[in-house]
Amino acid sequence: MSTESKPVPDSISPVLREASSAEEIFGWFGVPFDQAVVNVNRLHILKRFNQYLSAAGGPAGRDADPTRARELLARAYGDFVSSSAIEQKVFKVFQKGTTQRIGVDALRGTRKGSSHA
C-alpha cells in the first residue's frame, strides 16, 4: 500500500486541477491504496470520486470540505477493492443491459457473394 500525505489546502479545487495522476490525488488526501487496484481501476475510481463529489454539492463538489473529500475518495477506492468495474458500472458502456449475440450462421449469411441464406 502506498501513501504519501501532503498538506491539504482549504479548497480541493487546486488539488484536482494540479494533480497529474490518481496516485498524486491519493497522496494529497493521505488515502492508502494498493497500486495494483489503482493500476486496473484508476479511471473508474476517479470517475466514481467525481460522482460522489457532485452528489456532495457545489460545481462538481469542488467546494467540498477537504476532510469530506478524503472520505469520498476512500469510499470510491473501496468500491473497487472488492468489486470489478463491470459490477460497479461507472461508465456508460457498462450500464447498457442489452447484449446482442450473433450466431455463426448469421455471420456466414452476411459475407459478400455468400451462397448461404
N, C-alpha and C. Protein backbone atom coordinates (compact mmCIF):
# COMPACT_ATOMS: atom_id res chain seq x y z
N MET A 1 0.85 -1.17 0.00
CA MET A 1 0.00 0.00 0.00
C MET A 1 0.89 1.23 0.00
N SER A 2 0.45 2.22 -0.76
CA SER A 2 1.20 3.46 -0.84
C SER A 2 0.41 4.58 -0.21
N THR A 3 1.10 5.43 0.52
CA THR A 3 0.52 6.69 0.96
C THR A 3 1.64 7.69 1.01
N GLU A 4 1.35 8.84 0.56
CA GLU A 4 2.32 9.93 0.59
C GLU A 4 1.51 11.18 0.87
N SER A 5 1.33 11.50 2.15
CA SER A 5 0.45 12.58 2.53
C SER A 5 1.09 13.94 2.33
N LYS A 6 0.31 14.86 1.77
CA LYS A 6 0.72 16.25 1.62
C LYS A 6 -0.31 17.09 2.35
N PRO A 7 0.06 18.30 2.75
CA PRO A 7 -0.94 19.14 3.41
C PRO A 7 -2.07 19.47 2.44
N VAL A 8 -3.30 19.29 2.88
CA VAL A 8 -4.46 19.55 2.04
C VAL A 8 -4.86 21.01 2.21
N PRO A 9 -5.01 21.74 1.11
CA PRO A 9 -5.42 23.15 1.21
C PRO A 9 -6.87 23.27 1.65
N ASP A 10 -7.30 24.51 1.90
CA ASP A 10 -8.67 24.75 2.34
C ASP A 10 -9.69 24.33 1.29
N SER A 11 -9.34 24.46 0.02
CA SER A 11 -10.23 24.08 -1.07
C SER A 11 -9.58 22.92 -1.83
N ILE A 12 -10.40 22.00 -2.31
CA ILE A 12 -9.83 20.88 -3.04
C ILE A 12 -9.64 21.21 -4.52
N SER A 13 -10.14 22.35 -4.98
CA SER A 13 -10.00 22.71 -6.39
C SER A 13 -8.56 22.68 -6.87
N PRO A 14 -7.61 23.30 -6.14
CA PRO A 14 -6.22 23.26 -6.62
C PRO A 14 -5.66 21.84 -6.70
N VAL A 15 -6.05 21.01 -5.76
CA VAL A 15 -5.57 19.62 -5.75
C VAL A 15 -6.03 18.92 -7.02
N LEU A 16 -7.32 19.05 -7.34
CA LEU A 16 -7.87 18.37 -8.51
C LEU A 16 -7.36 18.98 -9.81
N ARG A 17 -7.15 20.26 -9.81
CA ARG A 17 -6.70 20.94 -11.03
C ARG A 17 -5.22 20.65 -11.31
N GLU A 18 -4.41 20.56 -10.28
CA GLU A 18 -2.97 20.44 -10.46
C GLU A 18 -2.45 19.01 -10.43
N ALA A 19 -3.24 18.09 -9.96
CA ALA A 19 -2.79 16.70 -9.87
C ALA A 19 -2.55 16.13 -11.26
N SER A 20 -1.48 15.36 -11.38
CA SER A 20 -1.16 14.77 -12.68
C SER A 20 -1.41 13.26 -12.72
N SER A 21 -1.85 12.69 -11.61
CA SER A 21 -2.11 11.26 -11.58
C SER A 21 -3.06 10.93 -10.43
N ALA A 22 -3.67 9.76 -10.53
CA ALA A 22 -4.53 9.29 -9.45
C ALA A 22 -3.71 9.12 -8.18
N GLU A 23 -2.48 8.64 -8.34
CA GLU A 23 -1.62 8.45 -7.18
C GLU A 23 -1.36 9.76 -6.45
N GLU A 24 -1.21 10.82 -7.20
CA GLU A 24 -0.98 12.13 -6.59
C GLU A 24 -2.22 12.59 -5.80
N ILE A 25 -3.39 12.33 -6.32
CA ILE A 25 -4.62 12.68 -5.60
C ILE A 25 -4.72 11.88 -4.31
N PHE A 26 -4.43 10.58 -4.39
CA PHE A 26 -4.43 9.76 -3.17
C PHE A 26 -3.42 10.31 -2.17
N GLY A 27 -2.25 10.71 -2.66
CA GLY A 27 -1.22 11.27 -1.79
C GLY A 27 -1.66 12.56 -1.12
N TRP A 28 -2.27 13.46 -1.88
CA TRP A 28 -2.74 14.73 -1.33
C TRP A 28 -3.68 14.50 -0.17
N PHE A 29 -4.58 13.53 -0.34
CA PHE A 29 -5.58 13.28 0.69
C PHE A 29 -5.13 12.26 1.73
N GLY A 30 -3.97 11.66 1.54
CA GLY A 30 -3.46 10.69 2.51
C GLY A 30 -4.29 9.42 2.57
N VAL A 31 -4.87 9.04 1.44
CA VAL A 31 -5.68 7.82 1.39
C VAL A 31 -4.78 6.66 0.97
N PRO A 32 -4.64 5.66 1.83
CA PRO A 32 -3.82 4.50 1.47
C PRO A 32 -4.43 3.75 0.28
N PHE A 33 -3.57 3.20 -0.57
CA PHE A 33 -4.08 2.46 -1.72
C PHE A 33 -3.10 1.38 -2.12
N ASP A 34 -3.64 0.37 -2.77
CA ASP A 34 -2.85 -0.72 -3.34
C ASP A 34 -2.62 -0.35 -4.81
N GLN A 35 -1.38 -0.27 -5.21
CA GLN A 35 -1.05 0.15 -6.57
C GLN A 35 -1.70 -0.74 -7.62
N ALA A 36 -1.81 -2.04 -7.33
CA ALA A 36 -2.43 -2.97 -8.28
C ALA A 36 -3.90 -2.61 -8.52
N VAL A 37 -4.62 -2.21 -7.48
CA VAL A 37 -6.03 -1.83 -7.62
C VAL A 37 -6.13 -0.55 -8.45
N VAL A 38 -5.27 0.41 -8.17
CA VAL A 38 -5.29 1.67 -8.91
C VAL A 38 -4.89 1.44 -10.37
N ASN A 39 -3.91 0.60 -10.60
CA ASN A 39 -3.48 0.33 -11.99
C ASN A 39 -4.63 -0.19 -12.84
N VAL A 40 -5.46 -1.03 -12.28
CA VAL A 40 -6.56 -1.64 -13.04
C VAL A 40 -7.78 -0.72 -13.11
N ASN A 41 -8.01 0.09 -12.08
CA ASN A 41 -9.27 0.82 -11.96
C ASN A 41 -9.16 2.33 -11.86
N ARG A 42 -8.02 2.91 -12.19
CA ARG A 42 -7.80 4.34 -11.93
C ARG A 42 -8.89 5.24 -12.50
N LEU A 43 -9.28 5.05 -13.73
CA LEU A 43 -10.31 5.91 -14.32
C LEU A 43 -11.66 5.70 -13.66
N HIS A 44 -11.96 4.47 -13.33
CA HIS A 44 -13.22 4.15 -12.68
C HIS A 44 -13.28 4.77 -11.28
N ILE A 45 -12.17 4.67 -10.55
CA ILE A 45 -12.11 5.25 -9.20
C ILE A 45 -12.28 6.77 -9.27
N LEU A 46 -11.56 7.41 -10.18
CA LEU A 46 -11.65 8.87 -10.30
C LEU A 46 -13.03 9.32 -10.76
N LYS A 47 -13.64 8.58 -11.66
CA LYS A 47 -15.00 8.91 -12.11
C LYS A 47 -15.97 8.77 -10.94
N ARG A 48 -15.86 7.68 -10.18
CA ARG A 48 -16.75 7.48 -9.03
C ARG A 48 -16.51 8.58 -8.00
N PHE A 49 -15.26 8.95 -7.76
CA PHE A 49 -14.93 10.05 -6.84
C PHE A 49 -15.63 11.33 -7.30
N ASN A 50 -15.57 11.62 -8.59
CA ASN A 50 -16.24 12.80 -9.12
C ASN A 50 -17.75 12.71 -8.92
N GLN A 51 -18.32 11.52 -9.10
CA GLN A 51 -19.76 11.35 -8.87
C GLN A 51 -20.11 11.62 -7.41
N TYR A 52 -19.29 11.12 -6.50
CA TYR A 52 -19.53 11.35 -5.08
C TYR A 52 -19.37 12.83 -4.74
N LEU A 53 -18.37 13.49 -5.31
CA LEU A 53 -18.19 14.92 -5.08
C LEU A 53 -19.39 15.71 -5.60
N SER A 54 -19.87 15.35 -6.78
CA SER A 54 -21.03 16.03 -7.36
C SER A 54 -22.25 15.87 -6.47
N ALA A 55 -22.43 14.68 -5.94
CA ALA A 55 -23.57 14.42 -5.06
C ALA A 55 -23.43 15.20 -3.75
N ALA A 56 -22.18 15.54 -3.37
CA ALA A 56 -21.93 16.29 -2.14
C ALA A 56 -22.27 17.77 -2.30
N GLY A 57 -22.46 18.21 -3.56
CA GLY A 57 -22.88 19.59 -3.79
C GLY A 57 -21.79 20.44 -4.42
N GLY A 58 -22.19 21.63 -4.84
CA GLY A 58 -21.26 22.55 -5.47
C GLY A 58 -20.98 22.14 -6.90
N PRO A 59 -20.24 22.98 -7.64
CA PRO A 59 -19.88 22.62 -9.01
C PRO A 59 -18.93 21.43 -9.00
N ALA A 60 -19.50 20.29 -9.28
CA ALA A 60 -18.79 19.01 -9.24
C ALA A 60 -18.19 18.77 -7.86
N GLY A 61 -18.76 19.40 -6.83
CA GLY A 61 -18.32 19.18 -5.46
C GLY A 61 -16.95 19.72 -5.15
N ARG A 62 -16.40 20.53 -6.02
CA ARG A 62 -15.04 21.02 -5.81
C ARG A 62 -14.92 22.00 -4.64
N ASP A 63 -16.06 22.41 -4.11
CA ASP A 63 -16.04 23.24 -2.91
C ASP A 63 -16.22 22.41 -1.66
N ALA A 64 -16.18 21.09 -1.84
CA ALA A 64 -16.35 20.19 -0.70
C ALA A 64 -15.23 20.39 0.31
N ASP A 65 -15.57 20.16 1.54
CA ASP A 65 -14.60 20.20 2.62
C ASP A 65 -13.53 19.14 2.35
N PRO A 66 -12.25 19.48 2.48
CA PRO A 66 -11.19 18.50 2.21
C PRO A 66 -11.31 17.20 3.01
N THR A 67 -11.78 17.31 4.24
CA THR A 67 -11.96 16.10 5.04
C THR A 67 -13.06 15.22 4.44
N ARG A 68 -14.14 15.86 4.01
CA ARG A 68 -15.23 15.12 3.37
C ARG A 68 -14.76 14.52 2.04
N ALA A 69 -13.99 15.30 1.28
CA ALA A 69 -13.46 14.81 0.00
C ALA A 69 -12.57 13.59 0.23
N ARG A 70 -11.76 13.62 1.27
CA ARG A 70 -10.91 12.47 1.60
C ARG A 70 -11.77 11.23 1.83
N GLU A 71 -12.85 11.39 2.59
CA GLU A 71 -13.76 10.28 2.86
C GLU A 71 -14.36 9.75 1.55
N LEU A 72 -14.73 10.66 0.66
CA LEU A 72 -15.35 10.26 -0.60
C LEU A 72 -14.35 9.55 -1.51
N LEU A 73 -13.10 10.00 -1.51
CA LEU A 73 -12.07 9.31 -2.30
C LEU A 73 -11.84 7.91 -1.75
N ALA A 74 -11.75 7.78 -0.44
CA ALA A 74 -11.57 6.47 0.18
C ALA A 74 -12.76 5.56 -0.14
N ARG A 75 -13.95 6.13 -0.15
CA ARG A 75 -15.16 5.36 -0.48
C ARG A 75 -15.12 4.91 -1.94
N ALA A 76 -14.75 5.82 -2.84
CA ALA A 76 -14.66 5.48 -4.26
C ALA A 76 -13.63 4.38 -4.49
N TYR A 77 -12.48 4.49 -3.84
CA TYR A 77 -11.44 3.46 -3.94
C TYR A 77 -11.98 2.13 -3.41
N GLY A 78 -12.64 2.19 -2.26
CA GLY A 78 -13.17 0.98 -1.64
C GLY A 78 -14.18 0.24 -2.52
N ASP A 79 -14.89 1.01 -3.34
CA ASP A 79 -15.85 0.38 -4.24
C ASP A 79 -15.19 -0.61 -5.19
N PHE A 80 -13.90 -0.38 -5.49
CA PHE A 80 -13.21 -1.21 -6.47
C PHE A 80 -12.22 -2.19 -5.86
N VAL A 81 -12.08 -2.18 -4.55
CA VAL A 81 -11.18 -3.12 -3.90
C VAL A 81 -11.74 -4.54 -3.97
N SER A 82 -13.03 -4.66 -3.74
CA SER A 82 -13.63 -6.00 -3.73
C SER A 82 -14.68 -6.17 -4.83
N SER A 83 -14.66 -5.28 -5.82
CA SER A 83 -15.64 -5.34 -6.89
C SER A 83 -14.95 -4.97 -8.20
N SER A 84 -15.58 -5.30 -9.30
CA SER A 84 -14.98 -5.01 -10.59
C SER A 84 -15.64 -3.79 -11.24
N ALA A 85 -14.99 -3.27 -12.25
CA ALA A 85 -15.53 -2.13 -13.00
C ALA A 85 -16.86 -2.52 -13.65
N ILE A 86 -16.97 -3.75 -14.10
CA ILE A 86 -18.20 -4.21 -14.73
C ILE A 86 -19.33 -4.23 -13.70
N GLU A 87 -19.06 -4.68 -12.50
CA GLU A 87 -20.08 -4.72 -11.45
C GLU A 87 -20.48 -3.31 -11.00
N GLN A 88 -19.52 -2.40 -10.93
CA GLN A 88 -19.79 -1.04 -10.46
C GLN A 88 -20.50 -0.17 -11.50
N LYS A 89 -20.30 -0.47 -12.77
CA LYS A 89 -20.99 0.22 -13.87
C LYS A 89 -20.86 1.75 -13.81
N VAL A 90 -19.64 2.24 -13.64
CA VAL A 90 -19.40 3.67 -13.56
C VAL A 90 -19.57 4.33 -14.92
N PHE A 91 -19.01 3.70 -15.95
CA PHE A 91 -19.06 4.27 -17.29
C PHE A 91 -20.26 3.72 -18.07
N LYS A 92 -20.76 4.52 -18.97
CA LYS A 92 -21.97 4.20 -19.73
C LYS A 92 -21.87 2.86 -20.46
N VAL A 93 -20.70 2.53 -20.96
CA VAL A 93 -20.52 1.28 -21.71
C VAL A 93 -20.89 0.06 -20.86
N PHE A 94 -20.71 0.16 -19.54
CA PHE A 94 -21.04 -0.95 -18.66
C PHE A 94 -22.50 -0.89 -18.20
N GLN A 95 -23.19 0.21 -18.46
CA GLN A 95 -24.56 0.37 -18.00
C GLN A 95 -25.57 -0.21 -18.97
N LYS A 96 -25.17 -0.44 -20.19
CA LYS A 96 -26.10 -0.98 -21.17
C LYS A 96 -26.41 -2.42 -20.80
N GLY A 97 -27.66 -2.69 -20.56
CA GLY A 97 -28.07 -4.01 -20.11
C GLY A 97 -28.28 -5.00 -21.23
N THR A 98 -28.30 -4.54 -22.46
CA THR A 98 -28.57 -5.46 -23.56
C THR A 98 -27.28 -5.91 -24.21
N THR A 99 -27.15 -7.19 -24.33
CA THR A 99 -26.02 -7.77 -25.04
C THR A 99 -26.59 -8.52 -26.23
N GLN A 100 -26.10 -8.19 -27.39
CA GLN A 100 -26.60 -8.85 -28.59
C GLN A 100 -25.63 -9.96 -28.98
N ARG A 101 -26.16 -11.12 -29.15
CA ARG A 101 -25.34 -12.25 -29.58
C ARG A 101 -25.68 -12.55 -31.04
N ILE A 102 -24.65 -12.77 -31.81
CA ILE A 102 -24.82 -13.08 -33.23
C ILE A 102 -24.25 -14.46 -33.47
N GLY A 103 -25.06 -15.33 -34.02
CA GLY A 103 -24.63 -16.69 -34.28
C GLY A 103 -23.72 -16.77 -35.50
N VAL A 104 -22.95 -17.83 -35.58
CA VAL A 104 -22.04 -18.05 -36.70
C VAL A 104 -22.82 -18.14 -38.01
N ASP A 105 -23.97 -18.78 -38.00
CA ASP A 105 -24.78 -18.90 -39.22
C ASP A 105 -25.19 -17.52 -39.75
N ALA A 106 -25.51 -16.60 -38.86
CA ALA A 106 -25.89 -15.25 -39.28
C ALA A 106 -24.70 -14.54 -39.91
N LEU A 107 -23.53 -14.76 -39.38
CA LEU A 107 -22.32 -14.13 -39.94
C LEU A 107 -22.01 -14.71 -41.32
N ARG A 108 -22.20 -16.00 -41.48
CA ARG A 108 -21.94 -16.62 -42.78
C ARG A 108 -22.85 -16.02 -43.86
N GLY A 109 -24.06 -15.69 -43.49
CA GLY A 109 -25.02 -15.15 -44.43
C GLY A 109 -24.72 -13.70 -44.82
N THR A 110 -23.85 -13.03 -44.11
CA THR A 110 -23.56 -11.62 -44.41
C THR A 110 -22.36 -11.43 -45.28
N ARG A 111 -21.65 -12.49 -45.59
CA ARG A 111 -20.47 -12.37 -46.46
C ARG A 111 -20.92 -12.06 -47.89
N LYS A 112 -20.18 -11.20 -48.56
CA LYS A 112 -20.48 -10.89 -49.97
C LYS A 112 -20.31 -12.15 -50.80
N GLY A 113 -21.23 -12.34 -51.67
CA GLY A 113 -21.15 -13.48 -52.57
C GLY A 113 -21.43 -14.80 -51.90
N SER A 114 -21.93 -14.76 -50.71
CA SER A 114 -22.22 -15.97 -49.98
C SER A 114 -23.43 -16.67 -50.58
N SER A 115 -23.31 -17.98 -50.67
CA SER A 115 -24.44 -18.75 -51.22
C SER A 115 -25.36 -19.22 -50.11
N HIS A 116 -25.02 -18.88 -48.84
CA HIS A 116 -25.87 -19.26 -47.72
C HIS A 116 -26.98 -18.25 -47.55
N ALA A 117 -28.14 -18.73 -47.20
CA ALA A 117 -29.28 -17.83 -46.98
C ALA A 117 -29.40 -17.44 -45.55
